[in-house]
């Protein structure tokens, strides 16, 4: 069990995306991706004082100032980092008054407030230092050598009886701030059960990296929120 006050929530964003420029603040269904993410957190049961916006550009700082959250002023070096070393991109690891952090992907507009809440509070109750959202897939998969990873249970392919295999959702992550400082995010993926895998609905995992994904997700978001 973790104390709620020890578990922060981080929304980290930047405007330097090459594949979908300015996606965090561009008009998206009469709002923006950043506003959607922050509004969900504001409407959630997660304490406002636990939420941090890690941003560098003035436009993002101004947007975040509209919400009752903490703003961590990210450095340019962090905003331009591609993740190596980890402590460069997640430079807040030793600067937040918390022990653990839940990171929410602001580029996943279909992610619901309820799913974020459930992940957060399940992490608070978890004994594990790391938690990672996944999707349960019932399908057939092969490795690069052609070896099937989900053996047939019958003589024909039947996804109803296929063995469940878990796929990364890339939406919700959690880990210890101390471990991040050691270059370990969530835990050891090569060590069974070191990280708690948390299943979520695939329909909420749609992530935006490219223009076609921006347009598709905007259409789906509008339909869902009619």
Protein backbone atom coordinates (compact mmCIF):
# COMPACT_ATOMS: atom_id res chain seq x y z
CA UNK A 1 0.00 0.00 0.00
CA UNK A 2 1.13 3.53 -0.78
CA UNK A 3 -0.15 6.73 0.79
CA UNK A 4 -2.10 8.83 -1.72
CA UNK A 5 -0.04 11.90 -0.86
CA UNK A 6 3.08 9.97 -1.91
CA UNK A 7 1.80 9.30 -5.44
CA UNK A 8 2.05 12.14 -7.95
CA UNK A 9 0.46 12.32 -11.41
CA UNK A 10 2.56 13.74 -14.24
CA UNK A 11 1.36 15.11 -17.55
CA UNK A 12 4.50 15.74 -19.58
CA UNK A 13 4.23 17.52 -22.92
CA UNK A 14 6.24 19.45 -25.50
CA UNK A 15 5.61 21.21 -28.82
CA UNK A 16 8.60 19.90 -30.75
CA UNK A 17 6.89 16.91 -32.36
CA UNK A 18 8.13 16.48 -35.95
CA UNK A 19 5.49 14.02 -37.13
CA UNK A 20 2.48 16.00 -35.89
CA UNK A 21 3.61 19.58 -35.16
CA UNK A 22 2.03 21.52 -32.29
CA UNK A 23 -0.39 18.63 -31.66
CA UNK A 24 -0.80 19.40 -27.95
CA UNK A 25 -2.24 22.89 -28.50
CA UNK A 26 -3.76 22.66 -32.00
CA UNK A 27 -7.57 22.85 -32.22
CA UNK A 28 -8.97 19.38 -31.54
CA UNK A 29 -12.78 18.99 -31.39
CA UNK A 30 -13.21 22.58 -30.15
CA UNK A 31 -10.55 22.12 -27.49
CA UNK A 32 -6.95 20.78 -27.40
CA UNK A 33 -5.32 17.48 -26.47
CA UNK A 34 -3.68 19.12 -23.46
CA UNK A 35 -6.96 20.61 -22.26
CA UNK A 36 -8.71 17.25 -22.61
CA UNK A 37 -6.11 15.51 -20.45
CA UNK A 38 -6.06 18.22 -17.78
CA UNK A 39 -9.85 18.51 -17.65
CA UNK A 40 -10.15 14.77 -16.96
CA UNK A 41 -7.74 15.08 -14.07
CA UNK A 42 -9.55 18.13 -12.72
CA UNK A 43 -12.84 16.21 -12.81
CA UNK A 44 -11.31 13.12 -11.22
CA UNK A 45 -11.01 12.09 -7.56
CA UNK A 46 -7.23 12.45 -7.68
CA UNK A 47 -6.16 15.33 -5.39
CA UNK A 48 -5.29 18.46 -7.38
CA UNK A 49 -2.17 19.01 -5.29
CA UNK A 50 -0.78 15.67 -6.49
CA UNK A 51 -0.98 16.63 -10.18
CA UNK A 52 2.02 18.11 -12.01
CA UNK A 53 2.30 19.49 -15.55
CA UNK A 54 5.86 19.10 -16.82
CA UNK A 55 6.17 21.64 -19.65
CA UNK A 56 8.79 23.88 -21.26
CA UNK A 57 7.21 26.13 -23.90
CA UNK A 58 5.42 29.37 -22.82
CA UNK A 59 2.25 28.34 -24.67
CA UNK A 60 1.97 25.15 -22.61
CA UNK A 61 2.77 26.96 -19.36
CA UNK A 62 0.00 29.47 -20.06
CA UNK A 63 -2.49 26.71 -20.89
CA UNK A 64 -1.63 24.77 -17.72
CA UNK A 65 -2.04 27.90 -15.57
CA UNK A 66 -5.81 27.69 -16.17
CA UNK A 67 -5.98 24.54 -14.06
CA UNK A 68 -5.50 24.03 -10.29
CA UNK A 69 -2.34 21.98 -10.72
CA UNK A 70 1.36 22.34 -10.06
CA UNK A 71 3.54 23.35 -13.00
CA UNK A 72 7.04 21.95 -13.21
CA UNK A 73 9.12 24.16 -15.51
CA UNK A 74 10.86 21.67 -17.76
CA UNK A 75 14.22 22.64 -19.27
CA UNK A 76 14.85 22.88 -22.99
CA UNK A 77 17.31 19.98 -22.67
CA UNK A 78 14.57 17.78 -21.25
CA UNK A 79 12.04 18.88 -23.88
CA UNK A 80 14.45 17.98 -26.68
CA UNK A 81 15.58 14.70 -25.10
CA UNK A 82 14.79 11.41 -26.81
CA UNK A 83 14.95 9.50 -23.54
CA UNK A 84 18.63 8.78 -22.98
CA UNK A 85 19.60 9.16 -20.26
CA UNK A 86 16.25 8.69 -18.56
CA UNK A 87 17.03 11.25 -15.87
CA UNK A 88 17.43 13.91 -18.58
CA UNK A 89 13.91 13.45 -19.92
CA UNK A 90 12.41 12.81 -16.47
CA UNK A 91 14.49 15.46 -14.76
CA UNK A 92 11.83 15.94 -12.07
CA UNK A 93 12.66 12.59 -10.47
CA UNK A 94 14.41 14.20 -7.48
CA UNK A 95 12.48 17.48 -7.42
CA UNK A 96 8.91 16.46 -6.60
CA UNK A 97 7.64 16.11 -3.00
CA UNK A 98 6.43 12.56 -3.64
CA UNK A 99 7.83 9.01 -3.67
CA UNK A 100 6.00 7.59 -6.69
CA UNK A 101 4.62 8.89 -9.96
CA UNK A 102 1.84 7.94 -12.37
CA UNK A 103 2.37 9.26 -15.89
CA UNK A 104 -0.66 9.86 -18.10
CA UNK A 105 -0.25 10.06 -21.87
CA UNK A 106 -1.92 13.30 -22.96
CA UNK A 107 -1.84 12.14 -26.60
CA UNK A 108 -4.56 9.53 -25.92
CA UNK A 109 -7.81 11.51 -26.03
CA UNK A 110 -10.07 8.44 -25.79
CA UNK A 111 -8.63 7.57 -22.38
CA UNK A 112 -11.43 8.09 -19.85
CA UNK A 113 -11.39 9.80 -16.48
CA UNK A 114 -12.57 6.56 -14.85
CA UNK A 115 -9.70 4.54 -16.32
CA UNK A 116 -7.15 7.09 -15.10
CA UNK A 117 -8.72 7.06 -11.64
CA UNK A 118 -8.83 3.28 -11.45
CA UNK A 119 -5.20 2.96 -12.53
CA UNK A 120 -4.10 5.59 -10.00
CA UNK A 121 -5.91 4.16 -7.00
CA UNK A 122 -5.07 0.55 -7.92
CA UNK A 123 -1.44 1.63 -7.99
CA UNK A 124 -1.84 3.19 -4.56
CA UNK A 125 -3.11 -0.18 -3.29
CA UNK A 126 -0.45 -2.20 -5.10
CA UNK A 127 2.59 -3.67 -3.36
CA UNK A 128 4.61 -3.35 -6.57
CA UNK A 129 6.85 -0.34 -7.27
CA UNK A 130 5.93 -0.40 -10.97
CA UNK A 131 2.67 -0.67 -12.90
CA UNK A 132 2.06 -0.60 -16.66
CA UNK A 133 -1.21 -0.51 -18.61
CA UNK A 134 -1.67 -3.30 -21.16
CA UNK A 135 -4.39 -4.67 -23.43
CA UNK A 136 -5.47 -8.31 -23.35
CA UNK A 137 -5.35 -9.58 -26.93
CA UNK A 138 -6.87 -12.87 -28.07
CA UNK A 139 -5.22 -13.44 -31.41
CA UNK A 140 -2.33 -15.29 -33.02
CA UNK A 141 1.21 -13.94 -33.00
CA UNK A 142 4.57 -15.15 -34.31
CA UNK A 143 8.11 -14.08 -33.50
CA UNK A 144 10.60 -13.00 -36.17
CA UNK A 145 11.68 -16.61 -36.72
CA UNK A 146 8.13 -17.71 -37.46
CA UNK A 147 7.59 -19.49 -34.14
CA UNK A 148 3.99 -19.11 -33.01
CA UNK A 149 3.62 -17.43 -29.64
CA UNK A 150 -0.03 -18.32 -29.12
CA UNK A 151 -0.38 -22.05 -29.89
CA UNK A 152 -3.56 -23.31 -31.50
CA UNK A 153 -5.99 -24.88 -29.04
CA UNK A 154 -7.99 -26.35 -31.91
CA UNK A 155 -7.23 -27.52 -35.44
CA UNK A 156 -8.40 -24.17 -36.84
CA UNK A 157 -7.79 -20.59 -35.78
CA UNK A 158 -10.45 -19.47 -33.33
CA UNK A 159 -9.81 -16.23 -31.50
CA UNK A 160 -12.42 -17.18 -28.89
CA UNK A 161 -10.14 -19.94 -27.64
CA UNK A 162 -6.80 -18.25 -28.33
CA UNK A 163 -4.45 -17.80 -25.42
CA UNK A 164 -4.42 -14.25 -24.07
CA UNK A 165 -1.29 -12.26 -24.84
CA UNK A 166 -0.74 -8.79 -23.38
CA UNK A 167 0.18 -5.77 -25.52
CA UNK A 168 1.58 -2.46 -24.27
CA UNK A 169 -1.10 0.26 -24.20
CA UNK A 170 1.36 3.17 -23.91
CA UNK A 171 -1.18 5.23 -21.95
CA UNK A 172 -0.54 4.81 -18.24
CA UNK A 173 2.71 4.14 -16.42
CA UNK A 174 3.78 4.18 -12.78
CA UNK A 175 7.02 3.82 -10.89
CA UNK A 176 9.23 4.90 -8.04
CA UNK A 177 10.95 8.28 -8.35
CA UNK A 178 14.03 6.84 -6.66
CA UNK A 179 14.21 4.07 -9.28
CA UNK A 180 13.90 6.61 -12.10
CA UNK A 181 16.99 8.25 -10.65
CA UNK A 182 18.74 4.88 -11.03
CA UNK A 183 17.70 4.65 -14.68
CA UNK A 184 14.87 2.18 -14.05
CA UNK A 185 11.36 3.16 -15.16
CA UNK A 186 8.59 0.95 -13.69
CA UNK A 187 10.89 -2.04 -13.10
CA UNK A 188 12.61 -4.94 -14.83
CA UNK A 189 10.56 -6.18 -17.80
CA UNK A 190 12.84 -9.23 -18.07
CA UNK A 191 11.99 -10.30 -14.52
CA UNK A 192 8.55 -12.01 -14.33
CA UNK A 193 6.04 -10.18 -12.14
CA UNK A 194 8.48 -7.40 -11.27
CA UNK A 195 6.01 -4.96 -12.83
CA UNK A 196 2.26 -5.23 -12.28
CA UNK A 197 0.50 -5.39 -15.65
CA UNK A 198 -2.83 -3.57 -15.53
CA UNK A 199 -5.39 -4.43 -18.20
CA UNK A 200 -7.41 -1.69 -19.91
CA UNK A 201 -9.79 -1.44 -22.87
CA UNK A 202 -8.09 -1.24 -26.27
CA UNK A 203 -10.55 1.41 -27.51
CA UNK A 204 -9.10 3.89 -24.99
CA UNK A 205 -5.50 3.38 -26.04
CA UNK A 206 -5.55 5.25 -29.38
CA UNK A 207 -2.42 7.38 -29.42
CA UNK A 208 -1.59 10.31 -31.71
CA UNK A 209 1.82 10.42 -33.38
CA UNK A 210 0.90 11.19 -37.00
CA UNK A 211 -1.48 13.55 -38.81
CA UNK A 212 -3.78 10.72 -39.89
CA UNK A 213 -4.09 9.63 -36.25
CA UNK A 214 -4.88 13.21 -35.20
CA UNK A 215 -7.71 13.41 -37.75
CA UNK A 216 -9.04 9.93 -36.97
CA UNK A 217 -9.03 10.45 -33.20
CA UNK A 218 -10.69 13.85 -33.54
CA UNK A 219 -13.55 12.28 -35.51
CA UNK A 220 -13.94 9.44 -33.00
CA UNK A 221 -13.78 11.85 -30.07
CA UNK A 222 -16.50 14.03 -31.57
CA UNK A 223 -18.72 10.99 -32.15
CA UNK A 224 -18.23 9.72 -28.61
CA UNK A 225 -18.95 13.11 -27.06
CA UNK A 226 -22.02 14.07 -29.07
